[in-house]
Amino acid sequence: MSGVAPDSNEPSGRAPGQARIRLGGLPGASSDRTVVGLYAITLLLVGFGLIMVLSSSSITSYLDDQGFFGGFWRQATFAVIGIPLMLIAAAMPISFWKRWAWVLLAIGIFLQLLVFTPLGVEVYGNRNWIQIGGIGAQPSEALKLALVVWIGAVLWKKESLLGQMRHEIVPVIVPGAVVVLGLVLLGRDLGTTMIMAALVIGAMYFGGISWKTLGVVALGGLLAVFFFVVTSQNRLNRLFGHAGGNEDYSGLGWQPLHGLWALAGGGLFGVGLGGSKAKWSWLPAADNDYIFAIIGEELGLIGALLVIVLFVVLAVLMLRVISRARDRFGRAVVGGVLVWIIGQAFVNIGVVIGILPVLGVPLPLISAGGTALIACLVAIGVVISIARDATRYQEEIGAAGA
């Protein structure tokens, strides 16, 4: 932000020294309300997330000898890194993302391969993390962004050939998505793989791929999910534990059951910020996968609905960018990011309220998790970059028609 500055053009009734806040320092913010809205909603979600991470992680941080603020300071550090990266991504011209899409995908695949080296670590049965010294990271989060930018670039480059199924599938699905999703699935992280599969379909849909190809891809994806679920006892346990009412208090059913209890305990207005009982070691993953349960407990139905409304507004803003985008690249990339962030948000909420089995995906921009937060912020930066280009494109159309 450019800070606070007096405005000499205001009516003389303004008191001396009175000022207003300007947003002109943010890339593209001075000329497009959509861009301003994207910045505002994103920063609001991140700020709200920091408050809820502080509340939900305070007890577990203290028990881990990190003090009450350990989890908060860690998440705040990632926010301090991620927000400038978002601003840098937003300032980049759209040509930058088209030019470097293949390189970004190659870097993402390389990082994902590191989970299968001695740097890789296993978390809750999934080998999808790397640890370098005291720093842990989840490469699949960066790979999501690289994948969606690459899909957009490929569809834009092959525009004259689209409409033919083989050109719509190669190389986006084969070998592209198959290789990328296969690497994540090799680490047994089905939840992240499903989000990435949805991202691929979203990018293809908004990128203008034919319904016939989309149908074939979607059917193949559903069959793959069915196969990997029925061939894993752990995934079957999660599925049937969910369907059976989560009776196993000491096993898989403990977390979803206590998540529902936390939500129910909040009532309409909540027990008050910081007043959660579930965070006292009753609810695993209270500051990440199940942070929405803490939001519902402390801020009630009103607070939970506010979070949902913020994600809906973010979705509407992204749809506006898609409708104004210059070309297929912009529509595909923003569509993929929309399905990724908004889709993942509602999957997370669906898990917490008990209509979906536990999939182990965080609430974007709110849950604790540094790699996920930074990846989402940079992704929104790319969306803003495309929104800025869309504004220029609409101005060009207006000037040409004048």
Protein backbone atom coordinates (compact mmCIF):
# COMPACT_ATOMS: atom_id res chain seq x y z
CA MET A 1 0.00 0.00 0.00
CA SER A 2 1.09 3.50 -0.62
CA GLY A 3 0.02 4.59 2.82
CA VAL A 4 -2.02 7.65 3.81
CA ALA A 5 -1.96 10.84 1.81
CA PRO A 6 -3.97 14.07 1.86
CA ASP A 7 -6.14 14.74 -1.16
CA SER A 8 -6.11 18.32 -2.43
CA ASN A 9 -9.11 17.63 -4.68
CA GLU A 10 -11.49 16.90 -1.80
CA PRO A 11 -14.21 19.43 -0.98
CA SER A 12 -13.18 22.28 1.27
CA GLY A 13 -15.33 20.84 4.04
CA ARG A 14 -12.60 18.28 4.77
CA ALA A 15 -10.86 19.11 8.01
CA PRO A 16 -7.20 20.17 7.76
CA GLY A 17 -4.90 17.18 7.92
CA GLN A 18 -7.71 14.71 7.26
CA ALA A 19 -6.53 11.94 4.93
CA ARG A 20 -7.69 8.87 3.09
CA ILE A 21 -6.09 5.52 2.37
CA ARG A 22 -4.98 4.88 -1.20
CA LEU A 23 -4.43 1.49 -2.78
CA GLY A 24 -2.47 2.76 -5.75
CA GLY A 25 0.77 1.22 -4.50
CA LEU A 26 -0.51 -2.29 -5.15
CA PRO A 27 0.09 -3.57 -8.70
CA GLY A 28 -2.97 -2.71 -10.79
CA ALA A 29 -5.09 -1.69 -7.79
CA SER A 30 -5.59 1.92 -8.84
CA SER A 31 -7.38 1.05 -12.08
CA ASP A 32 -9.53 -2.03 -11.45
CA ARG A 33 -12.05 -2.74 -8.70
CA THR A 34 -11.69 -6.48 -9.35
CA VAL A 35 -7.99 -6.27 -8.54
CA VAL A 36 -8.70 -4.24 -5.41
CA GLY A 37 -11.28 -6.85 -4.39
CA LEU A 38 -8.83 -9.71 -4.92
CA TYR A 39 -6.24 -7.99 -2.74
CA ALA A 40 -8.78 -7.11 -0.06
CA ILE A 41 -10.39 -10.55 0.25
CA THR A 42 -7.03 -12.33 0.16
CA LEU A 43 -5.47 -10.15 2.85
CA LEU A 44 -8.63 -10.39 4.95
CA LEU A 45 -8.56 -14.20 4.79
CA VAL A 46 -4.85 -14.30 5.65
CA GLY A 47 -5.29 -11.89 8.56
CA PHE A 48 -8.28 -13.83 9.86
CA GLY A 49 -6.29 -17.05 9.45
CA LEU A 50 -3.44 -15.70 11.56
CA ILE A 51 -5.85 -14.85 14.36
CA MET A 52 -7.40 -18.31 14.25
CA VAL A 53 -4.03 -20.05 14.05
CA LEU A 54 -2.96 -18.13 17.14
CA SER A 55 -6.07 -19.25 18.98
CA SER A 56 -6.20 -22.85 17.78
CA SER A 57 -2.47 -23.63 18.10
CA SER A 58 -1.72 -21.93 21.43
CA ILE A 59 -2.16 -25.01 23.62
CA THR A 60 -0.36 -27.51 21.39
CA SER A 61 2.46 -24.99 20.84
CA TYR A 62 2.87 -24.64 24.60
CA LEU A 63 2.87 -28.40 25.08
CA ASP A 64 5.58 -28.65 22.41
CA ASP A 65 7.76 -26.20 24.39
CA GLN A 66 7.30 -23.45 21.78
CA GLY A 67 5.33 -21.10 24.01
CA PHE A 68 1.76 -20.06 23.38
CA PHE A 69 2.77 -18.08 20.29
CA GLY A 70 4.99 -20.67 18.57
CA GLY A 71 2.48 -21.71 15.91
CA PHE A 72 1.38 -18.13 15.33
CA TRP A 73 4.89 -16.76 14.77
CA ARG A 74 5.68 -19.59 12.39
CA GLN A 75 2.55 -18.91 10.33
CA ALA A 76 3.13 -15.15 10.47
CA THR A 77 6.64 -15.69 9.11
CA PHE A 78 5.25 -17.54 6.11
CA ALA A 79 2.69 -14.78 5.58
CA VAL A 80 5.48 -12.19 5.61
CA ILE A 81 7.24 -14.24 2.92
CA GLY A 82 4.13 -15.03 0.90
CA ILE A 83 2.55 -11.58 0.64
CA PRO A 84 5.58 -9.93 -1.04
CA LEU A 85 5.79 -12.93 -3.39
CA MET A 86 2.12 -12.39 -4.24
CA LEU A 87 2.84 -8.73 -5.03
CA ILE A 88 5.79 -9.71 -7.22
CA ALA A 89 3.67 -12.30 -9.08
CA ALA A 90 0.91 -9.73 -9.53
CA ALA A 91 3.36 -7.24 -11.03
CA MET A 92 4.62 -9.70 -13.64
CA PRO A 93 3.28 -9.34 -17.19
CA ILE A 94 1.17 -12.21 -18.46
CA SER A 95 3.88 -12.96 -21.05
CA PHE A 96 6.22 -13.94 -18.21
CA TRP A 97 3.97 -16.82 -17.13
CA LYS A 98 3.51 -18.03 -20.70
CA ARG A 99 7.25 -17.96 -21.37
CA TRP A 100 8.35 -19.73 -18.18
CA ALA A 101 5.50 -22.26 -17.82
CA TRP A 102 7.59 -25.28 -18.88
CA VAL A 103 10.46 -24.28 -16.60
CA LEU A 104 8.09 -23.85 -13.66
CA LEU A 105 6.64 -27.31 -14.25
CA ALA A 106 10.11 -28.86 -14.47
CA ILE A 107 11.09 -27.21 -11.17
CA GLY A 108 7.87 -28.40 -9.55
CA ILE A 109 8.44 -32.00 -10.68
CA PHE A 110 12.05 -31.87 -9.46
CA LEU A 111 10.94 -30.69 -6.01
CA GLN A 112 8.27 -33.38 -5.85
CA LEU A 113 10.87 -36.05 -6.69
CA LEU A 114 12.81 -34.97 -3.58
CA VAL A 115 10.18 -36.59 -1.35
CA PHE A 116 11.51 -39.97 -2.52
CA THR A 117 15.09 -39.11 -1.47
CA PRO A 118 16.52 -39.07 2.06
CA LEU A 119 15.12 -35.52 2.32
CA GLY A 120 11.59 -36.92 2.19
CA VAL A 121 9.60 -37.44 5.39
CA GLU A 122 6.34 -39.22 6.12
CA VAL A 123 3.49 -37.36 7.83
CA TYR A 124 0.32 -39.25 8.88
CA GLY A 125 1.16 -42.07 6.47
CA ASN A 126 1.75 -39.77 3.47
CA ARG A 127 5.23 -39.26 2.06
CA ASN A 128 4.65 -35.83 0.59
CA TRP A 129 7.04 -33.64 2.57
CA ILE A 130 10.72 -32.77 2.52
CA GLN A 131 12.80 -31.66 5.48
CA ILE A 132 15.94 -29.56 5.09
CA GLY A 133 17.43 -28.77 8.48
CA GLY A 134 14.62 -27.37 10.58
CA ILE A 135 12.53 -26.34 7.58
CA GLY A 136 9.79 -28.57 6.23
CA ALA A 137 7.95 -28.06 2.94
CA GLN A 138 5.28 -29.75 0.84
CA PRO A 139 6.43 -29.66 -2.81
CA SER A 140 3.01 -30.67 -4.14
CA GLU A 141 1.66 -27.22 -3.18
CA ALA A 142 4.15 -25.50 -5.49
CA LEU A 143 3.48 -28.19 -8.10
CA LYS A 144 -0.23 -27.23 -8.15
CA LEU A 145 0.64 -23.72 -9.29
CA ALA A 146 3.23 -24.89 -11.80
CA LEU A 147 0.75 -27.39 -13.25
CA VAL A 148 -2.08 -24.90 -13.76
CA VAL A 149 0.19 -22.31 -15.39
CA TRP A 150 1.62 -25.00 -17.67
CA ILE A 151 -1.84 -26.23 -18.70
CA GLY A 152 -2.84 -22.66 -19.57
CA ALA A 153 0.30 -22.18 -21.67
CA VAL A 154 -0.20 -25.47 -23.53
CA LEU A 155 -3.86 -24.75 -24.34
CA TRP A 156 -2.96 -21.24 -25.50
CA LYS A 157 -0.15 -22.55 -27.71
CA LYS A 158 -2.29 -25.32 -29.23
CA GLU A 159 -5.38 -23.19 -29.71
CA SER A 160 -5.68 -23.87 -33.46
CA LEU A 161 -5.64 -27.64 -32.82
CA LEU A 162 -8.20 -27.76 -30.03
CA GLY A 163 -11.42 -29.54 -30.82
CA GLN A 164 -9.51 -32.68 -31.75
CA MET A 165 -9.47 -35.04 -28.78
CA ARG A 166 -5.89 -36.21 -29.25
CA HIS A 167 -4.61 -32.64 -29.14
CA GLU A 168 -6.77 -31.83 -26.11
CA ILE A 169 -5.43 -34.82 -24.22
CA VAL A 170 -1.78 -34.71 -25.34
CA PRO A 171 0.27 -33.42 -23.55
CA VAL A 172 -2.11 -31.95 -20.92
CA ILE A 173 -3.37 -35.32 -19.65
CA VAL A 174 -0.82 -37.69 -21.16
CA PRO A 175 1.91 -37.41 -20.14
CA GLY A 176 1.48 -34.13 -18.19
CA ALA A 177 -1.22 -34.66 -15.56
CA VAL A 178 -0.62 -38.42 -15.40
CA VAL A 179 3.03 -37.91 -14.46
CA VAL A 180 2.41 -35.07 -12.01
CA LEU A 181 -0.54 -36.68 -10.23
CA GLY A 182 1.23 -40.04 -10.27
CA LEU A 183 4.20 -38.60 -8.39
CA VAL A 184 1.94 -37.18 -5.69
CA LEU A 185 -0.02 -40.42 -5.48
CA LEU A 186 3.19 -42.40 -5.08
CA GLY A 187 3.51 -40.62 -1.75
CA ARG A 188 0.03 -42.00 -0.86
CA ASP A 189 -1.53 -38.53 -0.61
CA LEU A 190 -4.90 -39.19 -2.24
CA GLY A 191 -6.48 -35.99 -0.90
CA THR A 192 -3.95 -33.71 -2.58
CA THR A 193 -4.10 -35.83 -5.74
CA MET A 194 -7.87 -35.39 -5.94
CA ILE A 195 -7.57 -31.61 -5.54
CA MET A 196 -4.96 -31.54 -8.31
CA ALA A 197 -7.19 -33.67 -10.56
CA ALA A 198 -10.04 -31.22 -10.02
CA LEU A 199 -7.65 -28.37 -10.80
CA VAL A 200 -6.75 -30.01 -14.12
CA ILE A 201 -10.39 -30.48 -15.10
CA GLY A 202 -11.18 -26.91 -14.02
CA ALA A 203 -8.36 -25.47 -16.12
CA MET A 204 -9.47 -27.54 -19.12
CA TYR A 205 -13.13 -26.55 -18.71
CA PHE A 206 -12.47 -22.81 -18.44
CA GLY A 207 -9.82 -23.17 -21.14
CA GLY A 208 -12.52 -24.21 -23.59
CA ILE A 209 -11.85 -27.94 -23.98
CA SER A 210 -14.70 -29.88 -25.63
CA TRP A 211 -17.31 -31.61 -23.50
CA LYS A 212 -16.45 -34.95 -25.07
CA THR A 213 -12.84 -34.75 -23.91
CA LEU A 214 -13.87 -33.46 -20.49
CA GLY A 215 -16.27 -36.39 -20.11
CA VAL A 216 -13.57 -38.93 -20.98
CA VAL A 217 -11.10 -37.30 -18.59
CA ALA A 218 -13.64 -37.08 -15.75
CA LEU A 219 -14.67 -40.73 -16.19
CA GLY A 220 -11.05 -41.83 -16.18
CA GLY A 221 -10.43 -39.82 -13.02
CA LEU A 222 -13.41 -41.35 -11.21
CA LEU A 223 -12.31 -44.87 -12.13
CA ALA A 224 -8.79 -44.11 -10.89
CA VAL A 225 -10.12 -42.80 -7.56
CA PHE A 226 -12.28 -45.91 -7.13
CA PHE A 227 -9.30 -48.17 -7.84
CA PHE A 228 -6.96 -46.44 -5.40
CA VAL A 229 -9.60 -46.37 -2.66
CA VAL A 230 -10.54 -50.06 -2.86
CA THR A 231 -6.89 -51.15 -3.03
CA SER A 232 -5.95 -49.35 0.21
CA GLN A 233 -7.19 -50.61 3.59
CA ASN A 234 -6.42 -47.25 5.19
CA ARG A 235 -8.58 -45.38 2.67
CA LEU A 236 -11.37 -47.93 3.01
CA ASN A 237 -11.25 -47.49 6.79
CA ARG A 238 -11.58 -43.73 6.37
CA LEU A 239 -14.48 -44.10 3.96
CA PHE A 240 -16.46 -46.64 5.98
CA GLY A 241 -15.56 -44.95 9.26
CA HIS A 242 -17.16 -41.81 7.82
CA ALA A 243 -20.20 -43.66 6.49
CA GLY A 244 -20.68 -45.64 9.67
CA GLY A 245 -20.97 -42.66 11.97
CA ASN A 246 -17.36 -42.56 13.27
CA GLU A 247 -18.03 -44.90 16.21
CA ASP A 248 -14.33 -45.67 16.74
CA TYR A 249 -13.42 -42.97 19.29
CA SER A 250 -9.84 -44.20 19.60
CA GLY A 251 -9.14 -44.45 15.88
CA LEU A 252 -10.16 -42.80 12.61
CA GLY A 253 -13.51 -41.62 13.99
CA TRP A 254 -12.04 -39.55 16.82
CA GLN A 255 -11.13 -36.49 14.75
CA PRO A 256 -14.37 -36.02 12.77
CA LEU A 257 -16.45 -36.72 15.86
CA HIS A 258 -14.72 -34.09 17.97
CA GLY A 259 -14.80 -31.70 15.05
CA LEU A 260 -18.60 -31.96 14.99
CA TRP A 261 -18.75 -31.55 18.77
CA ALA A 262 -16.68 -28.37 18.48
CA LEU A 263 -19.00 -26.97 15.82
CA ALA A 264 -22.08 -27.87 17.83
CA GLY A 265 -20.60 -26.30 20.97
CA GLY A 266 -20.28 -22.94 19.26
CA GLY A 267 -23.97 -22.38 18.70
CA LEU A 268 -25.00 -19.22 16.89
CA PHE A 269 -22.48 -16.74 18.27
CA GLY A 270 -19.70 -19.01 19.57
CA VAL A 271 -17.98 -19.31 22.94
CA GLY A 272 -15.71 -16.36 22.20
CA LEU A 273 -12.30 -16.00 20.56
CA GLY A 274 -9.79 -18.11 22.47
CA GLY A 275 -12.48 -20.01 24.38
CA SER A 276 -12.36 -23.31 22.48
CA LYS A 277 -12.35 -26.50 24.52
CA ALA A 278 -11.56 -28.75 21.53
CA LYS A 279 -8.11 -27.19 21.06
CA TRP A 280 -7.04 -28.53 24.47
CA SER A 281 -5.72 -31.69 22.79
CA TRP A 282 -9.22 -33.02 22.10
CA LEU A 283 -9.16 -32.26 18.37
CA PRO A 284 -6.14 -33.37 16.29
CA ALA A 285 -5.03 -30.93 13.59
CA ALA A 286 -6.99 -28.11 15.24
CA ASP A 287 -4.82 -25.44 13.62
CA ASN A 288 -4.71 -26.90 10.10
CA ASP A 289 -7.12 -29.46 8.62
CA TYR A 290 -9.78 -28.87 11.30
CA ILE A 291 -9.38 -25.15 11.92
CA PHE A 292 -12.91 -24.57 10.58
CA ALA A 293 -14.22 -26.52 13.59
CA ILE A 294 -12.43 -24.09 15.92
CA ILE A 295 -13.85 -21.16 13.94
CA GLY A 296 -17.34 -22.58 14.41
CA GLU A 297 -16.77 -23.23 18.11
CA GLU A 298 -15.29 -19.84 18.97
CA LEU A 299 -17.18 -17.59 16.54
CA GLY A 300 -20.32 -19.67 16.09
CA LEU A 301 -22.48 -20.14 13.03
CA ILE A 302 -22.09 -16.43 12.24
CA GLY A 303 -18.29 -16.69 12.05
CA ALA A 304 -18.41 -19.91 10.03
CA LEU A 305 -20.84 -18.41 7.52
CA LEU A 306 -18.64 -15.31 7.21
CA VAL A 307 -15.73 -17.51 6.13
CA ILE A 308 -17.92 -19.22 3.53
CA VAL A 309 -19.12 -15.83 2.24
CA LEU A 310 -15.52 -14.62 1.85
CA PHE A 311 -14.66 -17.64 -0.29
CA VAL A 312 -17.81 -17.15 -2.36
CA VAL A 313 -16.85 -13.51 -2.98
CA LEU A 314 -13.34 -14.62 -3.97
CA ALA A 315 -14.90 -17.09 -6.42
CA VAL A 316 -17.11 -14.36 -7.93
CA LEU A 317 -14.09 -12.09 -8.41
CA MET A 318 -12.17 -14.87 -10.16
CA LEU A 319 -15.15 -15.58 -12.42
CA ARG A 320 -15.17 -11.92 -13.35
CA VAL A 321 -11.49 -12.14 -14.30
CA ILE A 322 -12.25 -15.19 -16.45
CA SER A 323 -15.05 -13.36 -18.27
CA ARG A 324 -12.75 -10.42 -19.06
CA ALA A 325 -9.52 -12.32 -19.83
CA ARG A 326 -7.66 -11.62 -23.05
CA ASP A 327 -7.13 -15.21 -24.16
CA ARG A 328 -7.42 -18.90 -23.41
CA PHE A 329 -4.32 -18.84 -21.21
CA GLY A 330 -5.86 -16.41 -18.75
CA ARG A 331 -9.19 -18.22 -18.61
CA ALA A 332 -7.56 -21.62 -18.07
CA VAL A 333 -5.14 -20.46 -15.37
CA VAL A 334 -7.68 -18.47 -13.37
CA GLY A 335 -10.22 -21.29 -13.76
CA GLY A 336 -7.71 -23.81 -12.44
CA VAL A 337 -6.79 -21.60 -9.48
CA LEU A 338 -10.48 -21.05 -8.75
CA VAL A 339 -11.19 -24.79 -8.63
CA TRP A 340 -8.03 -25.35 -6.58
CA ILE A 341 -8.56 -22.73 -3.86
CA ILE A 342 -12.36 -22.51 -3.70
CA GLY A 343 -12.84 -26.21 -4.35
CA GLN A 344 -10.32 -27.15 -1.66
CA ALA A 345 -11.96 -24.75 0.78
CA PHE A 346 -15.35 -26.40 0.38
CA VAL A 347 -13.83 -29.90 0.50
CA ASN A 348 -12.18 -28.96 3.80
CA ILE A 349 -15.44 -27.55 5.15
CA GLY A 350 -17.32 -30.62 3.90
CA VAL A 351 -14.92 -32.86 5.82
CA VAL A 352 -15.33 -30.85 9.03
CA ILE A 353 -19.13 -30.80 8.92
CA GLY A 354 -19.17 -34.54 8.21
CA ILE A 355 -20.49 -34.81 4.66
CA LEU A 356 -17.12 -35.99 3.26
CA PRO A 357 -14.58 -38.53 4.58
CA VAL A 358 -11.34 -37.24 6.05
CA LEU A 359 -9.11 -36.28 3.11
CA GLY A 360 -6.36 -34.34 4.87
CA VAL A 361 -6.51 -31.06 2.95
CA PRO A 362 -6.15 -27.66 4.70
CA LEU A 363 -8.44 -24.63 4.49
CA PRO A 364 -6.65 -22.36 1.97
CA LEU A 365 -5.24 -19.05 3.27
CA ILE A 366 -6.49 -19.81 6.80
CA SER A 367 -5.06 -23.14 8.02
CA ALA A 368 -1.58 -23.40 9.47
CA GLY A 369 0.92 -24.57 6.87
CA GLY A 370 3.65 -22.49 5.32
CA THR A 371 4.01 -24.09 1.89
CA ALA A 372 0.25 -24.13 1.33
CA LEU A 373 -0.10 -20.47 2.34
CA ILE A 374 2.75 -19.27 0.14
CA ALA A 375 1.55 -21.32 -2.85
CA CYS A 376 -1.99 -19.92 -2.54
CA LEU A 377 -0.72 -16.35 -2.23
CA VAL A 378 1.50 -16.67 -5.29
CA ALA A 379 -1.38 -18.29 -7.20
CA ILE A 380 -3.60 -15.32 -6.39
CA GLY A 381 -0.75 -13.07 -7.49
CA VAL A 382 -0.84 -14.81 -10.87
CA VAL A 383 -4.62 -14.29 -11.00
CA ILE A 384 -4.10 -10.58 -10.31
CA SER A 385 -1.46 -10.45 -13.06
CA ILE A 386 -4.05 -11.86 -15.47
CA ALA A 387 -6.71 -9.48 -14.10
CA ARG A 388 -4.45 -6.50 -14.79
CA ASP A 389 -3.94 -7.70 -18.35
CA ALA A 390 -7.71 -8.23 -18.68
CA THR A 391 -8.28 -4.61 -17.69
CA ARG A 392 -5.88 -3.41 -20.37
CA TYR A 393 -7.58 -5.71 -22.89
CA GLN A 394 -11.01 -4.28 -22.08
CA GLU A 395 -9.62 -0.76 -22.41
CA GLU A 396 -8.17 -1.68 -25.82
CA ILE A 397 -11.55 -3.02 -26.92
CA GLY A 398 -13.23 0.16 -25.72
CA ALA A 399 -10.72 2.37 -27.50
CA ALA A 400 -11.09 0.38 -30.73
CA GLY A 401 -14.87 0.69 -30.60
CA ALA A 402 -14.85 4.40 -29.85
